[in-house]
């Protein structure tokens, strides 16, 4: 997750992304999500 200039962008989420967000708290908003490839470990 990258937060800059008032924007939040998620790049290639991992299988444990949900747990990571629960641990640190979700962002107030997500402006974009980018997947660099279609492997199952990135798109759950």
PDB file of N, CA and C in Angstrom:
ATOM      1  N   UNK A   1       0.846  -1.159   0.000  1.00  0.00           N
ATOM      2  CA  UNK A   1       0.000   0.000   0.000  1.00  0.00           C
ATOM      3  C   UNK A   1       0.896   1.227   0.000  1.00  0.00           C
ATOM      4  N   UNK A   2       0.570   2.172  -0.861  1.00  0.00           N
ATOM      5  CA  UNK A   2       1.318   3.420  -0.960  1.00  0.00           C
ATOM      6  C   UNK A   2       0.354   4.565  -0.685  1.00  0.00           C
ATOM      7  N   UNK A   3       0.724   5.425   0.239  1.00  0.00           N
ATOM      8  CA  UNK A   3      -0.069   6.609   0.530  1.00  0.00           C
ATOM      9  C   UNK A   3       0.794   7.832   0.262  1.00  0.00           C
ATOM     10  N   UNK A   4       0.354   8.671  -0.680  1.00  0.00           N
ATOM     11  CA  UNK A   4       1.095   9.880  -1.019  1.00  0.00           C
ATOM     12  C   UNK A   4       0.155  10.876  -1.675  1.00  0.00           C
ATOM     13  N   UNK A   5       0.389  12.133  -1.426  1.00  0.00           N
ATOM     14  CA  UNK A   5      -0.374  13.220  -2.043  1.00  0.00           C
ATOM     15  C   UNK A   5      -1.880  13.035  -1.869  1.00  0.00           C
ATOM     16  N   UNK A   6      -2.284  12.510  -0.712  1.00  0.00           N
ATOM     17  CA  UNK A   6      -3.699  12.335  -0.434  1.00  0.00           C
ATOM     18  C   UNK A   6      -4.362  11.172  -1.146  1.00  0.00           C
ATOM     19  N   UNK A   7      -3.575  10.308  -1.746  1.00  0.00           N
ATOM     20  CA  UNK A   7      -4.096   9.142  -2.470  1.00  0.00           C
ATOM     21  C   UNK A   7      -3.573   7.868  -1.828  1.00  0.00           C
ATOM     22  N   UNK A   8      -4.364   6.799  -1.952  1.00  0.00           N
ATOM     23  CA  UNK A   8      -3.943   5.486  -1.470  1.00  0.00           C
ATOM     24  C   UNK A   8      -4.049   4.501  -2.617  1.00  0.00           C
ATOM     25  N   UNK A   9      -2.944   3.829  -2.901  1.00  0.00           N
ATOM     26  CA  UNK A   9      -2.878   2.869  -4.001  1.00  0.00           C
ATOM     27  C   UNK A   9      -2.400   1.534  -3.440  1.00  0.00           C
ATOM     28  N   UNK A  10      -3.076   0.470  -3.829  1.00  0.00           N
ATOM     29  CA  UNK A  10      -2.706  -0.884  -3.432  1.00  0.00           C
ATOM     30  C   UNK A  10      -2.097  -1.567  -4.651  1.00  0.00           C
ATOM     31  N   UNK A  11      -0.939  -2.211  -4.471  1.00  0.00           N
ATOM     32  CA  UNK A  11      -0.266  -2.909  -5.568  1.00  0.00           C
ATOM     33  C   UNK A  11      -0.049  -4.356  -5.159  1.00  0.00           C
ATOM     34  N   UNK A  12      -0.552  -5.281  -5.981  1.00  0.00           N
ATOM     35  CA  UNK A  12      -0.323  -6.719  -5.775  1.00  0.00           C
ATOM     36  C   UNK A  12      -0.579  -7.176  -4.338  1.00  0.00           C
ATOM     37  N   UNK A  13      -1.841  -7.268  -3.974  1.00  0.00           N
ATOM     38  CA  UNK A  13      -2.159  -7.735  -2.626  1.00  0.00           C
ATOM     39  C   UNK A  13      -1.735  -9.191  -2.461  1.00  0.00           C
ATOM     40  N   UNK A  14      -1.370  -9.537  -1.252  1.00  0.00           N
ATOM     41  CA  UNK A  14      -0.941 -10.906  -0.957  1.00  0.00           C
ATOM     42  C   UNK A  14      -2.086 -11.653  -0.277  1.00  0.00           C
ATOM     43  N   UNK A  15      -1.963 -12.976  -0.145  1.00  0.00           N
ATOM     44  CA  UNK A  15      -3.022 -13.738   0.529  1.00  0.00           C
ATOM     45  C   UNK A  15      -3.303 -13.257   1.956  1.00  0.00           C
ATOM     46  N   UNK A  16      -2.309 -12.677   2.620  1.00  0.00           N
ATOM     47  CA  UNK A  16      -2.524 -12.213   3.997  1.00  0.00           C
ATOM     48  C   UNK A  16      -2.838 -10.717   4.082  1.00  0.00           C
ATOM     49  N   UNK A  17      -3.211 -10.120   2.966  1.00  0.00           N
ATOM     50  CA  UNK A  17      -3.511  -8.685   2.939  1.00  0.00           C
ATOM     51  C   UNK A  17      -4.601  -8.314   3.949  1.00  0.00           C
ATOM     52  N   UNK A  18      -5.653  -9.113   4.011  1.00  0.00           N
ATOM     53  CA  UNK A  18      -6.749  -8.831   4.949  1.00  0.00           C
ATOM     54  C   UNK A  18      -6.228  -8.792   6.381  1.00  0.00           C
ATOM     55  N   UNK A  19      -5.427  -9.773   6.754  1.00  0.00           N
ATOM     56  CA  UNK A  19      -4.876  -9.815   8.111  1.00  0.00           C
ATOM     57  C   UNK A  19      -3.973  -8.608   8.370  1.00  0.00           C
ATOM     58  N   UNK A  20      -3.202  -8.218   7.373  1.00  0.00           N
ATOM     59  CA  UNK A  20      -2.336  -7.044   7.523  1.00  0.00           C
ATOM     60  C   UNK A  20      -3.159  -5.784   7.770  1.00  0.00           C
ATOM     61  N   UNK A  21      -4.230  -5.620   7.020  1.00  0.00           N
ATOM     62  CA  UNK A  21      -5.076  -4.434   7.186  1.00  0.00           C
ATOM     63  C   UNK A  21      -5.799  -4.444   8.530  1.00  0.00           C
ATOM     64  N   UNK A  22      -6.202  -5.619   8.996  1.00  0.00           N
ATOM     65  CA  UNK A  22      -6.832  -5.704  10.311  1.00  0.00           C
ATOM     66  C   UNK A  22      -5.842  -5.344  11.414  1.00  0.00           C
ATOM     67  N   UNK A  23      -4.571  -5.684  11.217  1.00  0.00           N
ATOM     68  CA  UNK A  23      -3.549  -5.408  12.222  1.00  0.00           C
ATOM     69  C   UNK A  23      -3.217  -3.920  12.322  1.00  0.00           C
ATOM     70  N   UNK A  24      -3.158  -3.233  11.189  1.00  0.00           N
ATOM     71  CA  UNK A  24      -2.755  -1.820  11.197  1.00  0.00           C
ATOM     72  C   UNK A  24      -3.922  -0.861  11.042  1.00  0.00           C
ATOM     73  N   UNK A  25      -5.065  -1.379  10.656  1.00  0.00           N
ATOM     74  CA  UNK A  25      -6.228  -0.537  10.400  1.00  0.00           C
ATOM     75  C   UNK A  25      -6.299  -0.193   8.926  1.00  0.00           C
ATOM     76  N   UNK A  26      -7.479  -0.303   8.355  1.00  0.00           N
ATOM     77  CA  UNK A  26      -7.618  -0.050   6.922  1.00  0.00           C
ATOM     78  C   UNK A  26      -7.463   1.432   6.602  1.00  0.00           C
ATOM     79  N   UNK A  27      -7.080   1.737   5.375  1.00  0.00           N
ATOM     80  CA  UNK A  27      -7.000   3.146   4.985  1.00  0.00           C
ATOM     81  C   UNK A  27      -8.401   3.749   4.937  1.00  0.00           C
ATOM     82  N   UNK A  28      -8.471   5.056   5.044  1.00  0.00           N
ATOM     83  CA  UNK A  28      -9.765   5.729   4.980  1.00  0.00           C
ATOM     84  C   UNK A  28     -10.427   5.523   3.625  1.00  0.00           C
ATOM     85  N   UNK A  29      -9.617   5.493   2.590  1.00  0.00           N
ATOM     86  CA  UNK A  29     -10.124   5.243   1.236  1.00  0.00           C
ATOM     87  C   UNK A  29      -9.029   4.599   0.410  1.00  0.00           C
ATOM     88  N   UNK A  30      -9.419   3.911  -0.643  1.00  0.00           N
ATOM     89  CA  UNK A  30      -8.483   3.317  -1.599  1.00  0.00           C
ATOM     90  C   UNK A  30      -8.834   3.889  -2.962  1.00  0.00           C
ATOM     91  N   UNK A  31      -7.866   4.533  -3.595  1.00  0.00           N
ATOM     92  CA  UNK A  31      -8.110   5.183  -4.877  1.00  0.00           C
ATOM     93  C   UNK A  31      -7.885   4.264  -6.068  1.00  0.00           C
ATOM     94  N   UNK A  32      -6.989   3.300  -5.923  1.00  0.00           N
ATOM     95  CA  UNK A  32      -6.712   2.393  -7.039  1.00  0.00           C
ATOM     96  C   UNK A  32      -6.096   1.107  -6.516  1.00  0.00           C
ATOM     97  N   UNK A  33      -6.348   0.030  -7.243  1.00  0.00           N
ATOM     98  CA  UNK A  33      -5.728  -1.271  -6.962  1.00  0.00           C
ATOM     99  C   UNK A  33      -5.119  -1.753  -8.266  1.00  0.00           C
ATOM    100  N   UNK A  34      -3.828  -2.075  -8.238  1.00  0.00           N
ATOM    101  CA  UNK A  34      -3.125  -2.549  -9.423  1.00  0.00           C
ATOM    102  C   UNK A  34      -2.641  -3.976  -9.213  1.00  0.00           C
ATOM    103  N   UNK A  35      -2.922  -4.828 -10.188  1.00  0.00           N
ATOM    104  CA  UNK A  35      -2.394  -6.187 -10.212  1.00  0.00           C
ATOM    105  C   UNK A  35      -1.395  -6.255 -11.352  1.00  0.00           C
ATOM    106  N   UNK A  36      -0.147  -6.604 -11.050  1.00  0.00           N
ATOM    107  CA  UNK A  36       0.871  -6.657 -12.097  1.00  0.00           C
ATOM    108  C   UNK A  36       0.871  -7.983 -12.837  1.00  0.00           C
ATOM    109  N   UNK A  37       0.202  -8.991 -12.252  1.00  0.00           N
ATOM    110  CA  UNK A  37       0.087 -10.283 -12.915  1.00  0.00           C
ATOM    111  C   UNK A  37      -1.100 -11.030 -12.320  1.00  0.00           C
ATOM    112  N   UNK A  38      -1.561 -12.041 -13.021  1.00  0.00           N
ATOM    113  CA  UNK A  38      -2.785 -12.718 -12.636  1.00  0.00           C
ATOM    114  C   UNK A  38      -2.627 -13.994 -11.839  1.00  0.00           C
ATOM    115  N   UNK A  39      -1.528 -14.178 -11.153  1.00  0.00           N
ATOM    116  CA  UNK A  39      -1.355 -15.388 -10.350  1.00  0.00           C
ATOM    117  C   UNK A  39      -2.345 -15.410  -9.194  1.00  0.00           C
ATOM    118  N   UNK A  40      -2.768 -16.584  -8.802  1.00  0.00           N
ATOM    119  CA  UNK A  40      -3.766 -16.735  -7.744  1.00  0.00           C
ATOM    120  C   UNK A  40      -3.321 -16.118  -6.421  1.00  0.00           C
ATOM    121  N   UNK A  41      -2.017 -16.116  -6.139  1.00  0.00           N
ATOM    122  CA  UNK A  41      -1.557 -15.553  -4.870  1.00  0.00           C
ATOM    123  C   UNK A  41      -1.717 -14.037  -4.820  1.00  0.00           C
ATOM    124  N   UNK A  42      -1.948 -13.406  -5.942  1.00  0.00           N
ATOM    125  CA  UNK A  42      -2.118 -11.957  -5.983  1.00  0.00           C
ATOM    126  C   UNK A  42      -3.581 -11.541  -6.084  1.00  0.00           C
ATOM    127  N   UNK A  43      -4.456 -12.454  -6.432  1.00  0.00           N
ATOM    128  CA  UNK A  43      -5.833 -12.066  -6.767  1.00  0.00           C
ATOM    129  C   UNK A  43      -6.892 -12.699  -5.871  1.00  0.00           C
ATOM    130  N   UNK A  44      -6.542 -13.125  -4.691  1.00  0.00           N
ATOM    131  CA  UNK A  44      -7.534 -13.727  -3.783  1.00  0.00           C
ATOM    132  C   UNK A  44      -8.397 -12.654  -3.187  1.00  0.00           C
TER     133      UNK A  44
END
